[in-house]
N, C-alpha and C. Protein backbone atom coordinates (compact mmCIF):
# COMPACT_ATOMS: atom_id res chain seq x y z
N MET A 1 12.90 21.29 5.22
CA MET A 1 11.52 20.59 5.30
C MET A 1 10.38 21.69 5.56
N GLN A 2 10.80 22.40 6.55
CA GLN A 2 9.77 23.48 6.96
C GLN A 2 9.58 24.48 5.89
N PHE A 3 10.58 24.87 5.08
CA PHE A 3 10.51 25.70 4.02
C PHE A 3 9.61 25.07 2.93
N THR A 4 9.61 23.82 2.59
CA THR A 4 8.98 23.17 1.77
C THR A 4 7.35 23.18 2.07
N LYS A 5 7.03 23.01 3.29
CA LYS A 5 5.74 23.11 3.76
C LYS A 5 5.26 24.52 3.55
N ILE A 6 5.96 25.55 3.97
CA ILE A 6 5.54 26.87 3.83
C ILE A 6 5.30 27.31 2.32
N ILE A 7 6.22 26.83 1.43
CA ILE A 7 5.79 27.06 -0.09
C ILE A 7 4.60 26.32 -0.50
N THR A 8 4.36 25.21 -0.03
CA THR A 8 3.26 24.39 -0.49
C THR A 8 1.87 25.11 0.18
N VAL A 9 2.03 25.45 1.35
CA VAL A 9 0.85 26.14 1.81
C VAL A 9 0.50 27.41 1.25
N ALA A 10 1.53 28.23 0.89
CA ALA A 10 1.45 29.42 0.25
C ALA A 10 1.00 29.35 -1.11
N THR A 11 1.43 28.33 -1.88
CA THR A 11 0.95 27.90 -3.13
C THR A 11 -0.59 27.63 -3.25
N LEU A 12 -1.08 26.77 -2.18
CA LEU A 12 -2.41 26.46 -2.06
C LEU A 12 -3.26 27.73 -1.86
N PHE A 13 -2.73 28.47 -0.97
CA PHE A 13 -3.43 29.82 -0.51
C PHE A 13 -3.78 30.66 -1.73
N LEU A 14 -2.68 30.93 -2.50
CA LEU A 14 -2.60 31.71 -3.73
C LEU A 14 -3.40 31.25 -4.90
N THR A 15 -3.54 29.90 -5.00
CA THR A 15 -4.30 29.20 -6.06
C THR A 15 -5.82 29.10 -5.62
N GLY A 16 -6.02 29.30 -4.44
CA GLY A 16 -7.51 29.06 -4.06
C GLY A 16 -7.82 27.68 -3.71
N ALA A 17 -6.72 26.77 -3.89
CA ALA A 17 -7.12 25.31 -3.57
C ALA A 17 -7.50 25.18 -2.14
N ALA A 18 -7.06 25.91 -1.16
CA ALA A 18 -7.46 25.63 0.22
C ALA A 18 -8.55 26.54 0.55
N ALA A 19 -9.33 27.20 -0.29
CA ALA A 19 -10.30 28.09 -0.03
C ALA A 19 -11.53 27.38 0.53
N VAL A 20 -12.19 28.06 1.53
CA VAL A 20 -13.28 27.61 2.15
C VAL A 20 -14.55 28.03 1.32
N ALA A 21 -15.38 27.07 1.10
CA ALA A 21 -16.68 27.40 0.29
C ALA A 21 -17.51 28.41 1.22
N ILE A 22 -17.92 29.44 0.45
CA ILE A 22 -18.84 30.39 1.21
C ILE A 22 -20.12 30.53 0.34
N PRO A 23 -21.15 30.35 1.01
CA PRO A 23 -22.40 30.50 0.13
C PRO A 23 -22.49 31.81 -0.55
N THR A 24 -22.90 31.92 -1.69
CA THR A 24 -22.96 33.28 -2.44
C THR A 24 -24.26 33.68 -2.71
N ASP A 25 -25.40 32.86 -2.57
CA ASP A 25 -26.79 33.03 -2.75
C ASP A 25 -27.27 33.78 -1.56
N LEU A 26 -27.33 35.16 -1.67
CA LEU A 26 -27.70 36.04 -0.61
C LEU A 26 -29.39 35.98 -0.46
N GLN A 27 -29.82 35.53 -1.45
CA GLN A 27 -31.42 35.40 -1.33
C GLN A 27 -31.88 34.10 -0.46
N THR A 28 -30.95 33.23 -0.25
CA THR A 28 -31.50 32.02 0.47
C THR A 28 -31.52 32.35 1.92
N ARG A 29 -32.62 32.07 2.58
CA ARG A 29 -32.77 32.50 3.85
C ARG A 29 -33.47 31.17 4.65
N ALA A 30 -33.33 31.18 5.90
CA ALA A 30 -33.62 30.07 6.60
C ALA A 30 -35.26 30.05 6.70
N CYS A 31 -35.94 28.91 6.66
CA CYS A 31 -37.38 28.75 6.79
C CYS A 31 -37.73 29.08 8.31
N ALA A 32 -38.49 29.95 8.66
CA ALA A 32 -38.99 30.09 9.98
C ALA A 32 -40.13 29.04 10.11
N PHE A 33 -40.96 28.95 9.04
CA PHE A 33 -42.00 27.91 9.03
C PHE A 33 -42.04 27.30 7.70
N THR A 34 -42.51 25.92 7.61
CA THR A 34 -42.73 25.25 6.45
C THR A 34 -44.06 24.69 6.41
N CYS A 35 -44.79 25.01 5.50
CA CYS A 35 -46.15 24.63 5.28
C CYS A 35 -46.23 23.76 4.01
N GLY A 36 -46.34 22.50 4.16
CA GLY A 36 -46.19 21.61 2.97
C GLY A 36 -44.86 21.75 2.34
N SER A 37 -44.80 22.33 1.12
CA SER A 37 -43.61 22.62 0.41
C SER A 37 -43.22 23.98 0.43
N ASN A 38 -43.95 24.82 1.18
CA ASN A 38 -43.73 26.29 1.04
C ASN A 38 -42.95 26.74 2.30
N CYS A 39 -41.90 27.33 2.07
CA CYS A 39 -40.88 27.83 3.11
C CYS A 39 -41.18 29.27 3.29
N TYR A 40 -41.44 29.70 4.52
CA TYR A 40 -41.64 31.03 4.90
C TYR A 40 -40.59 31.58 5.94
N THR A 41 -39.87 32.66 5.41
CA THR A 41 -38.97 33.35 6.28
C THR A 41 -39.74 34.04 7.38
N SER A 42 -39.00 34.52 8.40
CA SER A 42 -39.56 35.32 9.42
C SER A 42 -40.08 36.64 8.82
N SER A 43 -39.52 37.08 7.77
CA SER A 43 -39.92 38.26 7.23
C SER A 43 -41.33 38.16 6.50
N ALA A 44 -41.36 36.97 5.80
CA ALA A 44 -42.55 36.74 5.08
C ALA A 44 -43.76 36.57 6.11
N VAL A 45 -43.48 35.91 7.22
CA VAL A 45 -44.50 35.78 8.29
C VAL A 45 -44.94 37.15 8.76
N SER A 46 -43.87 38.10 9.05
CA SER A 46 -44.14 39.50 9.58
C SER A 46 -44.98 40.25 8.64
N THR A 47 -44.61 40.19 7.29
CA THR A 47 -45.33 40.79 6.24
C THR A 47 -46.74 40.41 6.31
N ALA A 48 -47.11 39.11 6.34
CA ALA A 48 -48.46 38.64 6.35
C ALA A 48 -49.21 39.07 7.74
N GLN A 49 -48.51 38.92 8.84
CA GLN A 49 -49.09 39.33 10.03
C GLN A 49 -49.47 40.90 10.12
N SER A 50 -48.50 41.65 9.72
CA SER A 50 -48.68 43.15 9.64
C SER A 50 -49.78 43.46 8.73
N ALA A 51 -49.92 42.88 7.50
CA ALA A 51 -51.01 43.20 6.66
C ALA A 51 -52.42 42.80 7.32
N GLY A 52 -52.34 41.57 7.83
CA GLY A 52 -53.64 41.29 8.49
C GLY A 52 -54.03 42.10 9.67
N TYR A 53 -53.09 42.47 10.53
CA TYR A 53 -53.35 43.34 11.65
C TYR A 53 -53.78 44.64 11.31
N LYS A 54 -53.10 45.08 10.24
CA LYS A 54 -53.57 46.56 9.65
C LYS A 54 -55.07 46.44 9.33
N LEU A 55 -55.40 45.64 8.54
CA LEU A 55 -56.84 45.41 8.12
C LEU A 55 -57.76 45.23 9.49
N TYR A 56 -57.40 44.38 10.23
CA TYR A 56 -58.10 44.10 11.55
C TYR A 56 -58.27 45.39 12.22
N SER A 57 -57.21 46.15 12.52
CA SER A 57 -57.38 47.39 13.37
C SER A 57 -58.13 48.50 12.70
N ALA A 58 -58.20 48.51 11.37
CA ALA A 58 -58.98 49.46 10.64
C ALA A 58 -60.43 48.93 10.40
N GLY A 59 -60.78 47.82 10.93
CA GLY A 59 -62.14 47.23 10.92
C GLY A 59 -62.41 46.90 9.35
N SER A 60 -61.31 46.58 8.53
CA SER A 60 -61.63 46.23 7.17
C SER A 60 -61.30 44.75 6.84
N THR A 61 -61.38 44.46 5.61
CA THR A 61 -61.11 43.03 5.13
C THR A 61 -60.58 43.12 3.88
N ALA A 62 -60.05 41.99 3.33
CA ALA A 62 -59.65 41.77 1.98
C ALA A 62 -60.19 40.31 1.71
N ASN A 63 -61.32 40.20 0.84
CA ASN A 63 -62.04 38.99 0.61
C ASN A 63 -62.37 38.27 1.95
N SER A 64 -62.83 38.88 2.90
CA SER A 64 -63.31 38.44 4.17
C SER A 64 -62.11 38.21 5.12
N TYR A 65 -60.96 38.48 4.75
CA TYR A 65 -59.79 38.18 5.69
C TYR A 65 -59.24 39.56 6.09
N PRO A 66 -58.73 39.60 7.42
CA PRO A 66 -58.72 38.57 8.48
C PRO A 66 -60.15 38.22 8.88
N HIS A 67 -60.33 37.17 9.49
CA HIS A 67 -61.57 36.81 10.21
C HIS A 67 -61.19 35.89 11.39
N VAL A 68 -62.22 35.77 12.39
CA VAL A 68 -61.89 35.20 13.65
C VAL A 68 -61.57 33.67 13.20
N TYR A 69 -60.49 33.14 13.97
CA TYR A 69 -60.12 31.84 13.81
C TYR A 69 -60.57 31.12 15.07
N HIS A 70 -61.44 30.21 15.01
CA HIS A 70 -62.00 29.58 16.17
C HIS A 70 -61.11 28.38 16.85
N ASN A 71 -60.00 28.04 16.24
CA ASN A 71 -59.09 26.88 16.67
C ASN A 71 -59.98 25.67 17.11
N TYR A 72 -60.71 25.20 16.06
CA TYR A 72 -61.41 23.98 16.31
C TYR A 72 -60.46 22.78 16.39
N GLU A 73 -59.30 22.88 15.77
CA GLU A 73 -58.24 21.86 15.97
C GLU A 73 -57.64 21.73 17.19
N GLY A 74 -57.79 22.77 18.09
CA GLY A 74 -57.20 22.67 19.45
C GLY A 74 -55.85 23.00 19.52
N PHE A 75 -55.15 23.69 18.63
CA PHE A 75 -53.71 24.24 18.78
C PHE A 75 -53.40 24.79 20.13
N ASP A 76 -52.24 24.54 20.74
CA ASP A 76 -51.81 25.09 21.95
C ASP A 76 -51.03 26.22 21.52
N PHE A 77 -51.52 27.55 21.27
CA PHE A 77 -50.68 28.73 21.05
C PHE A 77 -50.16 29.19 22.21
N SER A 78 -48.94 29.82 22.17
CA SER A 78 -48.31 30.41 23.34
C SER A 78 -48.76 31.78 23.57
N VAL A 79 -49.79 32.34 22.92
CA VAL A 79 -50.35 33.62 23.26
C VAL A 79 -51.82 33.29 23.23
N SER A 80 -52.45 34.15 24.25
CA SER A 80 -53.91 33.88 24.32
C SER A 80 -54.67 35.10 23.60
N GLY A 81 -56.03 34.88 23.63
CA GLY A 81 -56.87 35.91 23.09
C GLY A 81 -57.73 35.32 21.94
N THR A 82 -58.47 36.27 21.42
CA THR A 82 -59.27 36.02 20.16
C THR A 82 -58.19 36.14 19.12
N TYR A 83 -58.38 34.91 18.21
CA TYR A 83 -57.34 34.76 17.16
C TYR A 83 -58.05 35.10 15.90
N TYR A 84 -57.19 35.61 15.04
CA TYR A 84 -57.59 35.95 13.58
C TYR A 84 -56.55 35.18 12.61
N GLU A 85 -57.19 34.90 11.47
CA GLU A 85 -56.41 34.22 10.49
C GLU A 85 -56.31 34.99 9.32
N PHE A 86 -55.20 35.18 8.68
CA PHE A 86 -54.91 35.82 7.50
C PHE A 86 -53.91 35.04 6.53
N PRO A 87 -54.17 35.01 5.25
CA PRO A 87 -53.35 34.29 4.29
C PRO A 87 -51.99 34.76 4.27
N ILE A 88 -51.09 33.95 4.17
CA ILE A 88 -49.74 34.07 3.90
C ILE A 88 -49.34 33.45 2.58
N LEU A 89 -48.70 34.19 1.68
CA LEU A 89 -48.42 33.87 0.21
C LEU A 89 -47.10 33.39 0.03
N SER A 90 -46.88 32.36 -0.69
CA SER A 90 -45.60 31.79 -1.05
C SER A 90 -44.65 32.77 -1.84
N SER A 91 -45.31 33.78 -2.40
CA SER A 91 -44.67 34.81 -3.09
C SER A 91 -43.86 35.86 -2.21
N GLY A 92 -44.22 35.80 -0.85
CA GLY A 92 -43.70 36.81 -0.01
C GLY A 92 -44.60 38.11 -0.06
N SER A 93 -45.36 38.27 -0.95
CA SER A 93 -46.10 39.41 -0.97
C SER A 93 -47.37 39.49 0.00
N ALA A 94 -47.90 40.63 0.51
CA ALA A 94 -49.03 40.62 1.25
C ALA A 94 -50.33 40.23 0.60
N TYR A 95 -51.15 39.45 1.20
CA TYR A 95 -52.55 39.10 0.57
C TYR A 95 -53.34 40.32 0.44
N SER A 96 -54.02 40.61 -0.78
CA SER A 96 -54.85 41.76 -0.96
C SER A 96 -56.09 41.33 -1.68
N GLY A 97 -56.31 40.06 -1.60
CA GLY A 97 -57.71 39.55 -2.27
C GLY A 97 -57.49 38.50 -3.22
N GLY A 98 -58.56 37.78 -3.68
CA GLY A 98 -58.23 36.69 -4.52
C GLY A 98 -58.22 35.37 -3.83
N SER A 99 -57.63 34.43 -4.35
CA SER A 99 -57.59 33.15 -3.89
C SER A 99 -56.52 33.23 -2.67
N PRO A 100 -56.89 32.72 -1.48
CA PRO A 100 -56.10 32.96 -0.27
C PRO A 100 -54.94 31.76 -0.19
N GLY A 101 -54.98 30.86 -1.04
CA GLY A 101 -54.14 29.62 -0.79
C GLY A 101 -54.40 28.81 0.46
N ALA A 102 -53.50 27.99 0.82
CA ALA A 102 -53.71 27.02 1.98
C ALA A 102 -53.15 27.47 3.26
N ASP A 103 -52.20 28.43 3.12
CA ASP A 103 -51.56 28.81 4.42
C ASP A 103 -51.99 30.14 5.00
N ARG A 104 -51.85 30.07 6.46
CA ARG A 104 -52.45 31.20 7.33
C ARG A 104 -51.48 31.58 8.36
N VAL A 105 -51.42 32.87 8.70
CA VAL A 105 -50.82 33.19 9.84
C VAL A 105 -51.94 33.42 10.92
N ILE A 106 -51.71 33.21 12.14
CA ILE A 106 -52.64 33.35 13.17
C ILE A 106 -52.07 34.39 14.23
N PHE A 107 -52.83 35.45 14.39
CA PHE A 107 -52.46 36.51 15.44
C PHE A 107 -53.61 36.87 16.27
N ASN A 108 -53.45 37.49 17.40
CA ASN A 108 -54.40 37.89 18.26
C ASN A 108 -54.59 39.30 18.24
N THR A 109 -55.60 39.82 19.03
CA THR A 109 -55.94 41.23 19.02
C THR A 109 -54.93 42.17 19.51
N GLY A 110 -53.91 41.54 20.19
CA GLY A 110 -52.69 42.41 20.56
C GLY A 110 -51.71 42.29 19.55
N ASN A 111 -51.86 41.81 18.38
CA ASN A 111 -50.93 41.72 17.28
C ASN A 111 -49.77 40.81 17.57
N GLN A 112 -49.98 39.80 18.45
CA GLN A 112 -48.98 38.84 18.75
C GLN A 112 -49.15 37.63 17.82
N LEU A 113 -48.05 37.08 17.22
CA LEU A 113 -48.17 35.86 16.46
C LEU A 113 -48.59 34.61 17.24
N ALA A 114 -49.57 33.95 16.89
CA ALA A 114 -49.84 32.77 17.65
C ALA A 114 -49.31 31.47 16.87
N GLY A 115 -49.26 31.66 15.54
CA GLY A 115 -48.74 30.46 14.77
C GLY A 115 -48.96 30.52 13.19
N VAL A 116 -48.38 29.64 12.60
CA VAL A 116 -48.72 29.49 11.08
C VAL A 116 -49.18 28.12 10.77
N ILE A 117 -50.37 28.10 10.12
CA ILE A 117 -51.10 26.77 9.93
C ILE A 117 -51.32 26.69 8.49
N THR A 118 -51.81 25.51 8.00
CA THR A 118 -52.10 25.21 6.73
C THR A 118 -53.12 24.08 6.44
N HIS A 119 -53.87 24.36 5.32
CA HIS A 119 -54.78 23.20 5.03
C HIS A 119 -54.06 22.04 4.32
N THR A 120 -52.84 22.25 3.82
CA THR A 120 -52.12 21.27 3.29
C THR A 120 -51.83 20.07 4.13
N GLY A 121 -52.23 18.89 3.81
CA GLY A 121 -52.04 17.69 4.65
C GLY A 121 -53.20 17.59 5.66
N ALA A 122 -54.18 18.46 5.83
CA ALA A 122 -55.10 18.28 6.78
C ALA A 122 -56.37 17.70 6.01
N SER A 123 -57.30 17.04 6.81
CA SER A 123 -58.49 16.43 6.13
C SER A 123 -59.67 17.59 6.20
N GLY A 124 -60.40 17.41 5.08
CA GLY A 124 -61.53 18.37 4.95
C GLY A 124 -60.96 19.83 4.85
N ASN A 125 -61.70 20.68 5.65
CA ASN A 125 -61.27 22.13 5.76
C ASN A 125 -60.62 22.43 6.92
N ASN A 126 -59.89 21.41 7.71
CA ASN A 126 -59.18 21.50 8.79
C ASN A 126 -57.86 22.17 8.44
N PHE A 127 -57.16 22.40 9.56
CA PHE A 127 -55.72 22.86 9.47
C PHE A 127 -54.75 21.99 10.22
N VAL A 128 -53.48 22.01 9.92
CA VAL A 128 -52.49 21.37 10.67
C VAL A 128 -51.34 22.49 10.78
N ALA A 129 -50.48 22.37 11.89
CA ALA A 129 -49.49 23.19 12.17
C ALA A 129 -48.46 23.19 11.10
N CYS A 130 -47.76 24.35 10.75
CA CYS A 130 -46.80 24.33 9.96
C CYS A 130 -45.45 24.04 10.87
N THR A 131 -44.46 23.54 10.32
CA THR A 131 -43.32 23.26 11.18
C THR A 131 -42.14 24.32 11.12
């Protein structure tokens, strides 16, 4: 009886019938933020924030970004300071001009991430928080 069980388990193992499914898509990453239907990884957020802060610290802009974000919506950010908004692109590339799209990273003058917000789902020219 034991011998039969061992043979059965060995056969299942060798044929792969008992194999555990392992994800093979290495490009799939968890969303750190979701803005509408756009999923942003922590890497994409970091890329946008870094590009925005680099321009801010150089006193430069790309199509007027970054610029001061006044927080008219009253978001309760976990970091304080004067806030700046900078586009985050669904392609994962850093914004360098042209249409900014609907989504923004918000950072302060100390290069701390305050949040990620979007025009998608907001009324008028307002923003809502990305989840």
